[in-house]
Amino acid sequence: MTLEIREGCFSYGGQPVLDHVSLTAGPGDLIAVLGPNGAGKTTMLRCMLGFLHWQSGDSFLDGRSVRSIPPRELWRSIAYVPQARSFTSAATAEQTVLLGRNAHIGLFSQPKKKDIDLVHELLDRLHISHLAQKSCAGISGGELQMVLIARALAAEPKILVLDEPESNLDFRNQLIVLETMTDLTRQGMTVIFNTHYPDHALRRANKALLLHKGGQAQFGDTHSIVTEEHIRNAFQVRTVIGEIETDERIYRSILPLDLAAETAEIAPDTHRIATVSMILQDGEQAMQVNEILHEYSQYLVGRMGLPYRKAGVHIINVTLDAPQSEILALTEKLGRLSGCSVKATYAVGFQPT
């Protein structure tokens, strides 16, 4: 199932908020929507889902205009989690999550055991089982956010859309939500989320939509959108994107330095020689690795792979002569494979001829 925005435009009071925004989301995509306050992130989601009408352009679900799809049919495929607000209902967290099953249960039917079991499974998955019998009116904003995410997942959608899902959440619960979104995309679900955290986009999303004040938008692979130059131009903040090494892999992270001017010169893409090393926990992943490496075949200098039967893993090393952006893109794609540990080691002092 594919969700698209084609040349979407929207204005408030004659002032453009979204100007010819385009986006394509397919199965397995985890898409982050970034931008400063007032850039139209929530407005974009609401237009995409048909709550607001595009002034030109449109949203499409498998080629059909979202506005032409009957609501019950639309919401069997898509689940939407808005920003958590105050909740006045006396319903418990368990009852609230069960509401997400409405499209499957039917108007005059009672929930079956499988519905109740799914609710409990989701409460466990999001680590909120202790809230099951608590009134949603009496829990914190962060706890309510987790309950609303569980309610959306109870609908078993093919596409999940979340508006700032990390808002009001502490460090641990942010990680739970991010891990859940990543797991869902590995299972083939499409996930689109607004965020105020460029780090979350950089580490989790395979695609990103960056909105600027005034309507400009950039969409593409995360490594090409979430860059120091683009962040500076959108947020007027000077940043450094660096690398943090762990035992399993190297993570990229964004460090804000100071306020910056509205425009920045784009630095050239440095050419590098690097060896990318992978350890695969499952030999079946080799086919996925081969498909990804084929995309970068023009840069490959050499490759070596061998099974380490004693540990039950497969080790693959490839050497590339490529622009650094392409090496980063390759390591990010490989790093999103479940059970794949990956690191890149760069040659020192290499000067391209």
Protein backbone atom coordinates (compact mmCIF):
# COMPACT_ATOMS: atom_id res chain seq x y z
CA MET A 1 0.00 0.00 0.00
CA THR A 2 1.43 3.38 -1.07
CA LEU A 3 0.54 6.81 0.33
CA GLU A 4 1.52 9.81 -1.77
CA ILE A 5 1.36 13.58 -1.69
CA ARG A 6 1.62 15.18 -5.11
CA GLU A 7 2.46 18.87 -5.28
CA GLY A 8 0.41 19.73 -2.18
CA CYS A 9 -0.08 23.44 -1.43
CA PHE A 10 -1.77 25.04 1.58
CA SER A 11 -1.97 28.60 2.93
CA TYR A 12 -3.31 30.38 5.98
CA GLY A 13 -4.61 33.90 5.39
CA GLY A 14 -2.84 34.15 2.07
CA GLN A 15 0.51 33.13 3.57
CA PRO A 16 1.93 29.93 2.06
CA VAL A 17 2.57 27.24 4.66
CA LEU A 18 3.14 24.27 2.36
CA ASP A 19 4.33 24.90 -1.20
CA HIS A 20 4.30 22.03 -3.70
CA VAL A 21 5.07 19.33 -1.13
CA SER A 22 5.56 15.84 -2.55
CA LEU A 23 6.11 12.60 -0.65
CA THR A 24 5.92 8.87 -1.38
CA ALA A 25 5.60 6.29 1.42
CA GLY A 26 5.56 2.56 0.77
CA PRO A 27 5.69 -0.64 2.82
CA GLY A 28 8.64 -0.69 5.21
CA ASP A 29 9.29 3.05 5.00
CA LEU A 30 9.96 4.98 8.21
CA ILE A 31 9.58 8.64 7.28
CA ALA A 32 10.45 11.55 9.57
CA VAL A 33 8.88 14.98 9.05
CA LEU A 34 11.12 17.76 10.37
CA GLY A 35 10.96 21.52 10.53
CA PRO A 36 10.99 24.50 12.88
CA ASN A 37 7.93 25.62 14.82
CA GLY A 38 5.40 27.12 12.43
CA ALA A 39 6.71 25.29 9.36
CA GLY A 40 3.46 23.34 8.97
CA LYS A 41 4.34 19.83 10.14
CA THR A 42 0.97 19.11 11.77
CA THR A 43 -0.85 20.93 8.96
CA MET A 44 0.91 18.69 6.45
CA LEU A 45 -0.26 15.54 8.22
CA ARG A 46 -3.82 16.85 8.45
CA CYS A 47 -3.87 17.72 4.75
CA MET A 48 -2.32 14.37 3.84
CA LEU A 49 -5.07 12.50 5.72
CA GLY A 50 -7.94 14.66 4.44
CA PHE A 51 -8.78 16.54 7.67
CA LEU A 52 -7.82 19.72 5.80
CA HIS A 53 -8.17 20.20 2.05
CA TRP A 54 -5.15 20.92 -0.08
CA GLN A 55 -5.65 24.17 -1.99
CA SER A 56 -3.90 22.51 -4.90
CA GLY A 57 -2.36 19.10 -5.31
CA ASP A 58 -3.73 16.04 -3.55
CA SER A 59 -3.03 12.95 -1.42
CA PHE A 60 -3.42 9.45 -2.85
CA LEU A 61 -3.72 5.99 -1.34
CA ASP A 62 -2.81 3.36 -3.93
CA GLY A 63 -3.63 5.88 -6.65
CA ARG A 64 -7.03 6.91 -5.22
CA SER A 65 -7.59 10.40 -3.90
CA VAL A 66 -7.81 10.21 -0.11
CA ARG A 67 -10.85 12.51 -0.20
CA SER A 68 -12.73 10.01 -2.40
CA ILE A 69 -12.25 7.05 -0.04
CA PRO A 70 -15.13 6.38 2.43
CA PRO A 71 -13.93 7.10 5.99
CA ARG A 72 -14.53 3.58 7.28
CA GLU A 73 -12.50 2.12 4.42
CA LEU A 74 -9.73 4.71 4.85
CA TRP A 75 -9.34 4.15 8.59
CA ARG A 76 -9.13 0.40 8.18
CA SER A 77 -5.82 1.03 6.39
CA ILE A 78 -4.48 4.10 8.21
CA ALA A 79 -4.19 4.89 11.92
CA TYR A 80 -3.46 8.42 13.15
CA VAL A 81 -2.06 9.40 16.55
CA PRO A 82 -2.46 13.15 17.21
CA GLN A 83 -0.51 15.02 19.86
CA ALA A 84 -1.76 14.01 23.31
CA ARG A 85 -4.11 16.57 24.86
CA SER A 86 -6.07 16.50 28.09
CA PHE A 87 -8.42 13.52 28.25
CA THR A 88 -11.77 13.87 30.04
CA SER A 89 -13.10 10.36 29.39
CA ALA A 90 -13.45 8.07 32.40
CA ALA A 91 -12.48 5.09 30.23
CA THR A 92 -9.54 3.05 31.43
CA ALA A 93 -6.39 2.64 29.38
CA GLU A 94 -7.45 -0.90 28.49
CA GLN A 95 -10.89 0.27 27.31
CA THR A 96 -9.31 3.10 25.31
CA VAL A 97 -6.93 0.75 23.50
CA LEU A 98 -9.83 -1.62 22.79
CA LEU A 99 -11.57 1.23 20.93
CA GLY A 100 -8.90 0.79 18.28
CA ARG A 101 -10.53 -2.54 17.41
CA ASN A 102 -13.87 -0.93 16.45
CA ALA A 103 -13.31 -1.29 12.71
CA HIS A 104 -12.72 -5.03 13.19
CA ILE A 105 -15.37 -5.77 15.82
CA GLY A 106 -18.41 -4.19 14.18
CA LEU A 107 -20.99 -1.76 15.52
CA PHE A 108 -23.23 -4.22 17.40
CA SER A 109 -20.72 -6.98 18.14
CA GLN A 110 -18.81 -7.74 21.32
CA PRO A 111 -15.01 -7.99 21.41
CA LYS A 112 -13.70 -11.53 21.13
CA LYS A 113 -10.88 -13.13 23.08
CA LYS A 114 -8.44 -12.38 20.26
CA ASP A 115 -9.31 -8.66 20.55
CA ILE A 116 -8.69 -8.63 24.31
CA ASP A 117 -5.47 -10.61 23.85
CA LEU A 118 -4.21 -8.10 21.28
CA VAL A 119 -4.93 -5.20 23.65
CA HIS A 120 -2.93 -6.87 26.42
CA GLU A 121 -0.12 -7.65 23.97
CA LEU A 122 0.09 -3.98 22.96
CA LEU A 123 0.03 -2.78 26.56
CA ASP A 124 2.93 -5.13 27.24
CA ARG A 125 4.78 -4.09 24.11
CA LEU A 126 4.69 -0.43 25.12
CA HIS A 127 5.43 -1.23 28.78
CA ILE A 128 2.17 0.27 30.05
CA SER A 129 0.37 -2.81 31.40
CA HIS A 130 0.38 -1.16 34.83
CA LEU A 131 -1.97 1.51 33.42
CA ALA A 132 -4.59 -0.98 32.16
CA GLN A 133 -7.21 -0.26 34.83
CA LYS A 134 -6.37 3.41 35.35
CA SER A 135 -8.65 6.16 34.05
CA CYS A 136 -7.13 8.04 31.12
CA ALA A 137 -8.31 11.26 32.76
CA GLY A 138 -5.95 10.62 35.66
CA ILE A 139 -2.70 9.67 33.95
CA SER A 140 0.14 11.92 32.80
CA GLY A 141 0.45 13.38 29.31
CA GLY A 142 3.32 11.03 28.51
CA GLU A 143 1.37 8.00 29.70
CA LEU A 144 -1.64 9.10 27.67
CA GLN A 145 0.59 9.40 24.60
CA MET A 146 1.62 5.76 24.99
CA VAL A 147 -2.02 4.68 25.40
CA LEU A 148 -3.02 6.51 22.20
CA ILE A 149 -0.20 4.83 20.29
CA ALA A 150 -1.39 1.44 21.56
CA ARG A 151 -4.96 2.32 20.48
CA ALA A 152 -3.74 3.10 16.96
CA LEU A 153 -1.81 -0.17 16.76
CA ALA A 154 -4.89 -2.09 17.90
CA ALA A 155 -6.48 -1.20 14.56
CA GLU A 156 -3.72 -3.23 12.83
CA PRO A 157 -3.22 -0.57 10.17
CA LYS A 158 -0.99 -0.83 7.14
CA ILE A 159 0.05 2.81 7.59
CA LEU A 160 0.69 4.50 10.95
CA VAL A 161 0.88 8.30 11.16
CA LEU A 162 2.04 9.96 14.39
CA ASP A 163 2.18 13.66 15.28
CA GLU A 164 5.20 14.20 17.56
CA PRO A 165 4.98 10.79 19.25
CA GLU A 166 7.97 11.56 21.51
CA SER A 167 6.37 14.70 23.01
CA ASN A 168 5.84 14.53 26.79
CA LEU A 169 7.84 11.29 26.96
CA ASP A 170 10.86 10.67 29.15
CA PHE A 171 14.12 9.28 27.77
CA ARG A 172 13.13 5.62 28.27
CA ASN A 173 9.66 5.91 26.75
CA GLN A 174 11.04 7.83 23.77
CA LEU A 175 13.29 4.85 23.11
CA ILE A 176 10.37 2.41 23.48
CA VAL A 177 8.35 4.35 20.89
CA LEU A 178 11.29 4.63 18.48
CA GLU A 179 12.07 0.91 18.80
CA THR A 180 8.39 0.08 18.24
CA MET A 181 8.26 2.18 15.06
CA THR A 182 11.44 0.54 13.77
CA ASP A 183 10.10 -2.96 14.49
CA LEU A 184 6.81 -2.17 12.73
CA THR A 185 8.57 -1.07 9.54
CA ARG A 186 10.68 -4.24 9.60
CA GLN A 187 7.37 -6.11 9.56
CA GLY A 188 6.29 -4.17 6.46
CA MET A 189 4.20 -1.38 7.98
CA THR A 190 4.59 2.21 6.74
CA VAL A 191 5.27 4.72 9.53
CA ILE A 192 5.27 8.53 9.15
CA PHE A 193 6.03 10.73 12.15
CA ASN A 194 6.54 14.41 12.92
CA THR A 195 9.46 15.14 15.21
CA HIS A 196 11.36 18.01 16.81
CA TYR A 197 14.42 15.77 17.12
CA PRO A 198 16.71 15.68 14.04
CA ASP A 199 18.70 12.96 15.86
CA HIS A 200 15.66 10.68 15.82
CA ALA A 201 15.25 11.19 12.09
CA LEU A 202 18.94 10.60 11.42
CA ARG A 203 19.12 7.38 13.43
CA ARG A 204 15.74 5.83 12.62
CA ALA A 205 14.19 7.08 9.38
CA ASN A 206 15.12 5.87 5.92
CA LYS A 207 13.41 8.91 4.37
CA ALA A 208 12.87 12.46 5.60
CA LEU A 209 10.72 15.45 4.70
CA LEU A 210 12.25 18.75 5.81
CA LEU A 211 9.84 21.71 5.91
CA HIS A 212 11.02 25.32 5.92
CA LYS A 213 9.05 28.38 7.00
CA GLY A 214 7.47 29.87 3.90
CA GLY A 215 6.50 26.54 2.39
CA GLN A 216 9.70 25.13 0.90
CA ALA A 217 10.09 21.38 1.35
CA GLN A 218 12.81 18.80 0.70
CA PHE A 219 12.10 15.07 0.53
CA GLY A 220 14.43 12.15 -0.02
CA ASP A 221 16.71 9.63 1.64
CA THR A 222 17.53 10.74 5.18
CA HIS A 223 21.29 10.93 4.59
CA SER A 224 20.75 13.47 1.78
CA ILE A 225 18.11 15.56 3.62
CA VAL A 226 19.33 15.68 7.23
CA THR A 227 22.66 17.41 6.62
CA GLU A 228 24.48 20.20 8.44
CA GLU A 229 23.70 22.62 5.61
CA HIS A 230 19.99 21.78 5.36
CA ILE A 231 19.52 21.90 9.15
CA ARG A 232 21.27 25.26 9.24
CA ASN A 233 19.06 26.68 6.50
CA ALA A 234 15.82 25.35 8.01
CA PHE A 235 16.46 26.01 11.71
CA GLN A 236 19.15 28.73 11.59
CA VAL A 237 21.28 26.60 13.89
CA ARG A 238 24.86 25.59 13.16
CA THR A 239 25.39 21.89 13.85
CA VAL A 240 27.97 19.16 13.52
CA ILE A 241 26.98 15.65 12.47
CA GLY A 242 29.41 13.24 14.08
CA GLU A 243 29.78 9.56 14.81
CA ILE A 244 29.51 7.63 18.07
CA GLU A 245 31.04 4.15 18.12
CA THR A 246 29.58 1.27 20.14
CA ASP A 247 30.49 -2.42 20.25
CA GLU A 248 27.91 -3.18 17.56
CA ARG A 249 27.97 -0.25 15.14
CA ILE A 250 28.64 3.42 14.55
CA TYR A 251 25.76 5.84 15.14
CA ARG A 252 25.50 9.28 13.58
CA SER A 253 24.40 12.11 15.85
CA ILE A 254 23.69 15.83 15.54
CA LEU A 255 25.30 18.31 17.94
CA PRO A 256 23.87 21.88 17.92
CA LEU A 257 26.64 24.49 18.24
CA ASP A 258 25.17 27.97 17.97
CA LEU A 259 22.70 30.17 16.12
CA ALA A 260 23.54 30.76 12.50
CA ALA A 261 22.69 32.95 9.55
CA GLU A 262 19.75 31.98 7.36
CA THR A 263 21.88 30.55 4.55
CA ALA A 264 24.99 28.46 4.42
CA GLU A 265 27.48 27.45 1.78
CA ILE A 266 27.26 23.78 0.89
CA ALA A 267 30.56 22.01 1.46
CA PRO A 268 31.81 19.66 -1.26
CA ASP A 269 31.15 15.96 -0.84
CA THR A 270 34.55 14.49 0.14
CA HIS A 271 35.76 11.41 -1.76
CA ARG A 272 36.94 8.61 0.55
CA ILE A 273 38.26 5.06 0.61
CA ALA A 274 36.57 2.95 3.27
CA THR A 275 36.08 -0.63 4.38
CA VAL A 276 32.57 -1.47 5.54
CA SER A 277 32.47 -4.49 7.86
CA MET A 278 29.32 -6.47 8.64
CA ILE A 279 28.52 -9.29 11.05
CA LEU A 280 25.23 -11.04 10.22
CA GLN A 281 23.41 -13.03 12.88
CA ASP A 282 21.43 -14.94 10.24
CA GLY A 283 22.69 -16.21 6.91
CA GLU A 284 19.31 -15.44 5.33
CA GLN A 285 20.18 -11.73 5.57
CA ALA A 286 22.92 -12.25 2.97
CA MET A 287 20.38 -11.86 0.15
CA GLN A 288 19.24 -8.49 1.53
CA VAL A 289 22.87 -7.41 1.91
CA ASN A 290 23.59 -8.42 -1.69
CA GLU A 291 20.63 -6.37 -2.94
CA ILE A 292 21.87 -3.30 -1.07
CA LEU A 293 25.49 -3.75 -2.20
CA HIS A 294 24.31 -4.07 -5.81
CA GLU A 295 23.02 -0.48 -5.58
CA TYR A 296 26.61 0.64 -4.86
CA SER A 297 28.41 -1.70 -7.29
CA GLN A 298 30.03 1.22 -9.14
CA TYR A 299 31.95 2.12 -5.98
CA LEU A 300 33.02 -1.38 -4.88
CA VAL A 301 36.75 -2.12 -5.01
CA GLY A 302 36.71 -5.52 -3.32
CA ARG A 303 34.65 -7.87 -1.23
CA MET A 304 35.34 -10.77 1.12
CA GLY A 305 32.87 -12.90 3.06
CA LEU A 306 33.05 -16.01 5.19
CA PRO A 307 30.92 -17.89 7.70
CA TYR A 308 32.20 -18.20 11.26
CA ARG A 309 30.47 -21.45 12.11
CA LYS A 310 31.68 -21.61 15.71
CA ALA A 311 29.70 -18.46 16.51
CA GLY A 312 26.96 -19.05 13.93
CA VAL A 313 27.52 -15.71 12.20
CA HIS A 314 28.56 -14.50 8.75
CA ILE A 315 31.26 -11.85 8.30
CA ILE A 316 31.39 -9.64 5.20
CA ASN A 317 33.90 -6.89 4.36
CA VAL A 318 33.62 -4.60 1.35
CA THR A 319 35.99 -1.84 0.25
CA LEU A 320 34.65 1.24 -1.50
CA ASP A 321 36.13 4.22 -3.33
CA ALA A 322 33.20 6.64 -3.16
CA PRO A 323 31.88 10.03 -2.05
CA GLN A 324 31.51 10.05 1.72
CA SER A 325 27.76 10.65 1.41
CA GLU A 326 27.40 7.36 -0.48
CA ILE A 327 29.43 5.46 2.13
CA LEU A 328 27.24 6.92 4.89
CA ALA A 329 24.10 6.02 2.95
CA LEU A 330 25.30 2.42 2.52
CA THR A 331 26.15 1.95 6.21
CA GLU A 332 22.79 3.41 7.25
CA LYS A 333 20.87 1.04 4.96
CA LEU A 334 22.83 -1.96 6.19
CA GLY A 335 22.44 -0.85 9.80
CA ARG A 336 18.66 -0.92 9.48
CA LEU A 337 18.72 -4.66 8.77
CA SER A 338 17.69 -6.64 11.81
CA GLY A 339 20.64 -8.55 13.27
CA CYS A 340 23.28 -6.76 11.17
CA SER A 341 26.16 -5.03 12.97
CA VAL A 342 28.03 -2.64 10.66
CA LYS A 343 30.96 -0.22 10.86
CA ALA A 344 32.93 1.82 8.33
CA THR A 345 36.68 2.43 8.62
CA TYR A 346 38.16 5.22 6.49
CA ALA A 347 41.64 5.41 4.97
CA VAL A 348 43.73 8.24 6.43
CA GLY A 349 45.40 10.78 4.17
CA PHE A 350 43.77 9.64 0.92
CA GLN A 351 43.73 12.32 -1.78
CA PRO A 352 41.56 11.62 -4.85
CA THR A 353 43.32 11.91 -8.19
